[in-house]
Amino acid sequence: MIRTEISLFLKNVPGELAKLSELLADAVINIDAITIQDASAYVQNLFEARGKSLKRLASSASYSSMKKDSAQFALIRLVVDQPQKAVELLKEQDYLFDSKDVVCVDITNKPGEFLKITRKLGREKININYVYGSVSDSDGKCLFIFCPEDVETAAQFFKDGY
């Protein structure tokens, strides 16, 4: 199923995630999935994914400064139950964010199920830019969020399950 993922940067200090969580909770918006990484890893991955090294684009001092500055922030990606309401709320509160479509798949929690999905996408030559997921319990379903290069095509493969 295609859903909206919201990506935003927060200061990498204690309490910032709690402020965001409180904002969403007070608006009765549920977080269905979330992943967090420090922004320095994100910045470096962006350049490496494009086949370029940050060190080739900037001096060593500039690279060190960029990495230090970006470590002061965390990249948050989340999927919520009311994305339009969340987007409006984030705008009102002056958050810097972006949103995009991703593919969300409920997976049975047993060995080999993730393999079925990744193998299917690989056979269809659909690249996965990133993925994150969760497990609720050993007998339940897992929610995995895929960010493929071609969201529409990838979603078609899972319209009737995986």
C-alpha atoms as a PDB file:
ATOM      1  CA  MET A   1       0.000   0.000   0.000  1.00  0.00           C
ATOM      2  CA  ILE A   2       1.276   3.463  -0.834  1.00  0.00           C
ATOM      3  CA  ARG A   3       1.477   5.795   2.153  1.00  0.00           C
ATOM      4  CA  THR A   4       3.047   9.149   2.879  1.00  0.00           C
ATOM      5  CA  GLU A   5       6.356   9.322   4.709  1.00  0.00           C
ATOM      6  CA  ILE A   6       7.351  12.556   6.421  1.00  0.00           C
ATOM      7  CA  SER A   7      11.070  13.332   6.747  1.00  0.00           C
ATOM      8  CA  LEU A   8      12.301  16.071   9.013  1.00  0.00           C
ATOM      9  CA  PHE A   9      15.381  17.261  10.822  1.00  0.00           C
ATOM     10  CA  LEU A  10      15.383  17.767  14.575  1.00  0.00           C
ATOM     11  CA  LYS A  11      18.133  19.087  16.774  1.00  0.00           C
ATOM     12  CA  ASN A  12      20.085  16.133  18.131  1.00  0.00           C
ATOM     13  CA  VAL A  13      19.512  17.052  21.786  1.00  0.00           C
ATOM     14  CA  PRO A  14      17.504  15.476  24.612  1.00  0.00           C
ATOM     15  CA  GLY A  15      13.803  16.300  24.540  1.00  0.00           C
ATOM     16  CA  GLU A  16      13.390  17.230  20.859  1.00  0.00           C
ATOM     17  CA  LEU A  17      11.827  13.896  19.906  1.00  0.00           C
ATOM     18  CA  ALA A  18       9.529  14.175  22.923  1.00  0.00           C
ATOM     19  CA  LYS A  19       8.365  17.613  21.692  1.00  0.00           C
ATOM     20  CA  LEU A  20       7.547  16.196  18.262  1.00  0.00           C
ATOM     21  CA  SER A  21       5.816  13.172  19.810  1.00  0.00           C
ATOM     22  CA  GLU A  22       3.775  15.413  22.110  1.00  0.00           C
ATOM     23  CA  LEU A  23       2.743  17.636  19.206  1.00  0.00           C
ATOM     24  CA  LEU A  24       1.452  14.612  17.265  1.00  0.00           C
ATOM     25  CA  ALA A  25      -0.151  12.974  20.318  1.00  0.00           C
ATOM     26  CA  ASP A  26      -1.998  16.170  21.277  1.00  0.00           C
ATOM     27  CA  ALA A  27      -3.424  16.252  17.727  1.00  0.00           C
ATOM     28  CA  VAL A  28      -4.419  12.556  18.054  1.00  0.00           C
ATOM     29  CA  ILE A  29      -2.024  11.527  15.262  1.00  0.00           C
ATOM     30  CA  ASN A  30      -0.551   8.053  15.669  1.00  0.00           C
ATOM     31  CA  ILE A  31       3.001   7.199  14.615  1.00  0.00           C
ATOM     32  CA  ASP A  32       2.796   3.886  12.740  1.00  0.00           C
ATOM     33  CA  ALA A  33       6.512   3.674  11.915  1.00  0.00           C
ATOM     34  CA  ILE A  34       9.618   5.729  12.654  1.00  0.00           C
ATOM     35  CA  THR A  35      13.334   5.635  12.034  1.00  0.00           C
ATOM     36  CA  ILE A  36      15.968   8.036  13.296  1.00  0.00           C
ATOM     37  CA  GLN A  37      19.591   8.542  12.310  1.00  0.00           C
ATOM     38  CA  ASP A  38      22.045  11.320  12.869  1.00  0.00           C
ATOM     39  CA  ALA A  39      22.154  13.614   9.886  1.00  0.00           C
ATOM     40  CA  SER A  40      25.919  13.258   9.372  1.00  0.00           C
ATOM     41  CA  ALA A  41      25.431   9.670   8.228  1.00  0.00           C
ATOM     42  CA  TYR A  42      22.594  10.822   5.982  1.00  0.00           C
ATOM     43  CA  VAL A  43      24.693  13.579   4.417  1.00  0.00           C
ATOM     44  CA  GLN A  44      27.565  11.179   3.781  1.00  0.00           C
ATOM     45  CA  ASN A  45      25.221   8.535   2.327  1.00  0.00           C
ATOM     46  CA  LEU A  46      23.706  11.083  -0.049  1.00  0.00           C
ATOM     47  CA  PHE A  47      27.064  11.837  -1.593  1.00  0.00           C
ATOM     48  CA  GLU A  48      28.237   8.211  -1.657  1.00  0.00           C
ATOM     49  CA  ALA A  49      24.979   7.136  -3.314  1.00  0.00           C
ATOM     50  CA  ARG A  50      25.736   9.537  -6.126  1.00  0.00           C
ATOM     51  CA  GLY A  51      29.176   7.972  -6.565  1.00  0.00           C
ATOM     52  CA  LYS A  52      30.993  11.002  -5.229  1.00  0.00           C
ATOM     53  CA  SER A  53      32.983  11.331  -2.069  1.00  0.00           C
ATOM     54  CA  LEU A  54      32.512  14.383   0.091  1.00  0.00           C
ATOM     55  CA  LYS A  55      36.287  14.599   0.312  1.00  0.00           C
ATOM     56  CA  ARG A  56      36.524  15.034  -3.457  1.00  0.00           C
ATOM     57  CA  LEU A  57      33.959  17.832  -3.410  1.00  0.00           C
ATOM     58  CA  ALA A  58      35.312  19.829  -0.497  1.00  0.00           C
ATOM     59  CA  SER A  59      38.507  20.397   1.407  1.00  0.00           C
ATOM     60  CA  SER A  60      39.232  18.255   4.437  1.00  0.00           C
ATOM     61  CA  ALA A  61      38.385  21.177   6.718  1.00  0.00           C
ATOM     62  CA  SER A  62      35.067  21.787   4.945  1.00  0.00           C
ATOM     63  CA  TYR A  63      34.218  18.088   5.115  1.00  0.00           C
ATOM     64  CA  SER A  64      34.974  17.966   8.849  1.00  0.00           C
ATOM     65  CA  SER A  65      32.897  21.087   9.449  1.00  0.00           C
ATOM     66  CA  MET A  66      29.947  19.734   7.414  1.00  0.00           C
ATOM     67  CA  LYS A  67      30.052  16.403   9.257  1.00  0.00           C
ATOM     68  CA  LYS A  68      30.228  18.124  12.655  1.00  0.00           C
ATOM     69  CA  ASP A  69      27.357  20.499  11.817  1.00  0.00           C
ATOM     70  CA  SER A  70      25.132  17.736  10.464  1.00  0.00           C
ATOM     71  CA  ALA A  71      25.754  15.565  13.563  1.00  0.00           C
ATOM     72  CA  GLN A  72      23.930  18.258  15.542  1.00  0.00           C
ATOM     73  CA  PHE A  73      20.724  17.161  13.821  1.00  0.00           C
ATOM     74  CA  ALA A  74      18.814  13.917  13.500  1.00  0.00           C
ATOM     75  CA  LEU A  75      16.972  12.795  10.384  1.00  0.00           C
ATOM     76  CA  ILE A  76      13.525  11.493  11.342  1.00  0.00           C
ATOM     77  CA  ARG A  77      11.397   9.502   8.915  1.00  0.00           C
ATOM     78  CA  LEU A  78       7.903   8.616  10.011  1.00  0.00           C
ATOM     79  CA  VAL A  79       4.645   7.239   8.729  1.00  0.00           C
ATOM     80  CA  VAL A  80       1.540   8.434  10.567  1.00  0.00           C
ATOM     81  CA  ASP A  81      -2.134   7.537  10.385  1.00  0.00           C
ATOM     82  CA  GLN A  82      -3.179  11.062   9.339  1.00  0.00           C
ATOM     83  CA  PRO A  83      -0.427  12.436   7.096  1.00  0.00           C
ATOM     84  CA  GLN A  84      -2.308  15.509   5.817  1.00  0.00           C
ATOM     85  CA  LYS A  85      -3.164  16.591   9.336  1.00  0.00           C
ATOM     86  CA  ALA A  86       0.459  15.999  10.404  1.00  0.00           C
ATOM     87  CA  VAL A  87       1.800  18.030   7.461  1.00  0.00           C
ATOM     88  CA  GLU A  88      -0.468  20.970   8.321  1.00  0.00           C
ATOM     89  CA  LEU A  89       0.554  20.788  11.968  1.00  0.00           C
ATOM     90  CA  LEU A  90       4.264  20.698  11.111  1.00  0.00           C
ATOM     91  CA  LYS A  91       3.797  23.701   8.808  1.00  0.00           C
ATOM     92  CA  GLU A  92       2.039  25.630  11.568  1.00  0.00           C
ATOM     93  CA  GLN A  93       4.902  24.881  13.946  1.00  0.00           C
ATOM     94  CA  ASP A  94       7.599  25.888  11.393  1.00  0.00           C
ATOM     95  CA  TYR A  95       9.235  22.473  11.141  1.00  0.00           C
ATOM     96  CA  LEU A  96      11.528  21.915   8.181  1.00  0.00           C
ATOM     97  CA  PHE A  97      10.214  18.742   6.533  1.00  0.00           C
ATOM     98  CA  ASP A  98       9.452  16.951   3.303  1.00  0.00           C
ATOM     99  CA  SER A  99       6.978  14.237   2.404  1.00  0.00           C
ATOM    100  CA  LYS A 100       6.931  11.528  -0.214  1.00  0.00           C
ATOM    101  CA  ASP A 101       5.216   8.303  -1.116  1.00  0.00           C
ATOM    102  CA  VAL A 102       6.585   5.008   0.149  1.00  0.00           C
ATOM    103  CA  VAL A 103       5.363   1.417  -0.001  1.00  0.00           C
ATOM    104  CA  CYS A 104       4.187  -0.106   3.292  1.00  0.00           C
ATOM    105  CA  VAL A 105       3.815  -3.858   3.550  1.00  0.00           C
ATOM    106  CA  ASP A 106       2.480  -5.945   6.446  1.00  0.00           C
ATOM    107  CA  ILE A 107       4.722  -8.994   6.649  1.00  0.00           C
ATOM    108  CA  THR A 108       4.153 -12.218   8.552  1.00  0.00           C
ATOM    109  CA  ASN A 109       6.803 -12.475  11.263  1.00  0.00           C
ATOM    110  CA  LYS A 110       8.686 -15.615  10.262  1.00  0.00           C
ATOM    111  CA  PRO A 111      11.986 -16.401   8.549  1.00  0.00           C
ATOM    112  CA  GLY A 112      12.050 -15.887   4.786  1.00  0.00           C
ATOM    113  CA  GLU A 113       9.106 -13.492   4.492  1.00  0.00           C
ATOM    114  CA  PHE A 114      11.312 -10.422   4.019  1.00  0.00           C
ATOM    115  CA  LEU A 115      13.259 -12.433   1.446  1.00  0.00           C
ATOM    116  CA  LYS A 116      10.095 -12.951  -0.616  1.00  0.00           C
ATOM    117  CA  ILE A 117       9.581  -9.205  -0.908  1.00  0.00           C
ATOM    118  CA  THR A 118      13.164  -8.237  -1.614  1.00  0.00           C
ATOM    119  CA  ARG A 119      13.561 -11.058  -4.121  1.00  0.00           C
ATOM    120  CA  LYS A 120      10.384  -9.994  -5.951  1.00  0.00           C
ATOM    121  CA  LEU A 121      11.563  -6.374  -6.175  1.00  0.00           C
ATOM    122  CA  GLY A 122      15.020  -7.493  -7.280  1.00  0.00           C
ATOM    123  CA  ARG A 123      13.640  -9.705 -10.039  1.00  0.00           C
ATOM    124  CA  GLU A 124      11.617  -6.766 -11.312  1.00  0.00           C
ATOM    125  CA  LYS A 125      14.755  -4.577 -11.263  1.00  0.00           C
ATOM    126  CA  ILE A 126      13.248  -2.207  -8.684  1.00  0.00           C
ATOM    127  CA  ASN A 127      15.959  -0.675  -6.534  1.00  0.00           C
ATOM    128  CA  ILE A 128      15.258  -0.114  -2.835  1.00  0.00           C
ATOM    129  CA  ASN A 129      16.762   3.149  -1.600  1.00  0.00           C
ATOM    130  CA  TYR A 130      16.097   2.328   2.058  1.00  0.00           C
ATOM    131  CA  VAL A 131      13.813   0.232   4.224  1.00  0.00           C
ATOM    132  CA  TYR A 132      12.844   0.135   7.888  1.00  0.00           C
ATOM    133  CA  GLY A 133      10.384  -1.914   9.852  1.00  0.00           C
ATOM    134  CA  SER A 134       9.161  -3.232  13.146  1.00  0.00           C
ATOM    135  CA  VAL A 135       7.908  -6.358  14.838  1.00  0.00           C
ATOM    136  CA  SER A 136       5.062  -6.248  17.328  1.00  0.00           C
ATOM    137  CA  ASP A 137       5.401  -9.808  18.622  1.00  0.00           C
ATOM    138  CA  SER A 138       6.667 -13.178  17.428  1.00  0.00           C
ATOM    139  CA  ASP A 139       3.247 -14.301  16.179  1.00  0.00           C
ATOM    140  CA  GLY A 140       2.078 -11.015  14.731  1.00  0.00           C
ATOM    141  CA  LYS A 141       2.628  -8.984  11.616  1.00  0.00           C
ATOM    142  CA  CYS A 142       5.521  -6.663  10.926  1.00  0.00           C
ATOM    143  CA  LEU A 143       5.191  -3.320   9.198  1.00  0.00           C
ATOM    144  CA  PHE A 144       7.987  -2.598   6.738  1.00  0.00           C
ATOM    145  CA  ILE A 145       8.390   0.663   4.880  1.00  0.00           C
ATOM    146  CA  PHE A 146      10.166   0.512   1.524  1.00  0.00           C
ATOM    147  CA  CYS A 147      11.395   3.504  -0.415  1.00  0.00           C
ATOM    148  CA  PRO A 148      11.913   2.128  -3.913  1.00  0.00           C
ATOM    149  CA  GLU A 149      12.956   4.229  -6.872  1.00  0.00           C
ATOM    150  CA  ASP A 150       9.602   3.487  -8.547  1.00  0.00           C
ATOM    151  CA  VAL A 151       6.901   3.586  -5.857  1.00  0.00           C
ATOM    152  CA  GLU A 152       3.943   3.065  -8.188  1.00  0.00           C
ATOM    153  CA  THR A 153       5.389  -0.034  -9.860  1.00  0.00           C
ATOM    154  CA  ALA A 154       6.547  -1.529  -6.573  1.00  0.00           C
ATOM    155  CA  ALA A 155       3.141  -0.989  -4.979  1.00  0.00           C
ATOM    156  CA  GLN A 156       1.460  -2.866  -7.836  1.00  0.00           C
ATOM    157  CA  PHE A 157       3.364  -6.020  -6.874  1.00  0.00           C
ATOM    158  CA  PHE A 158       1.833  -5.951  -3.404  1.00  0.00           C
ATOM    159  CA  LYS A 159      -1.747  -4.856  -4.088  1.00  0.00           C
ATOM    160  CA  ASP A 160      -2.984  -8.384  -3.296  1.00  0.00           C
ATOM    161  CA  GLY A 161      -0.375  -9.126  -0.606  1.00  0.00           C
ATOM    162  CA  TYR A 162       3.142 -10.308  -1.140  1.00  0.00           C
END
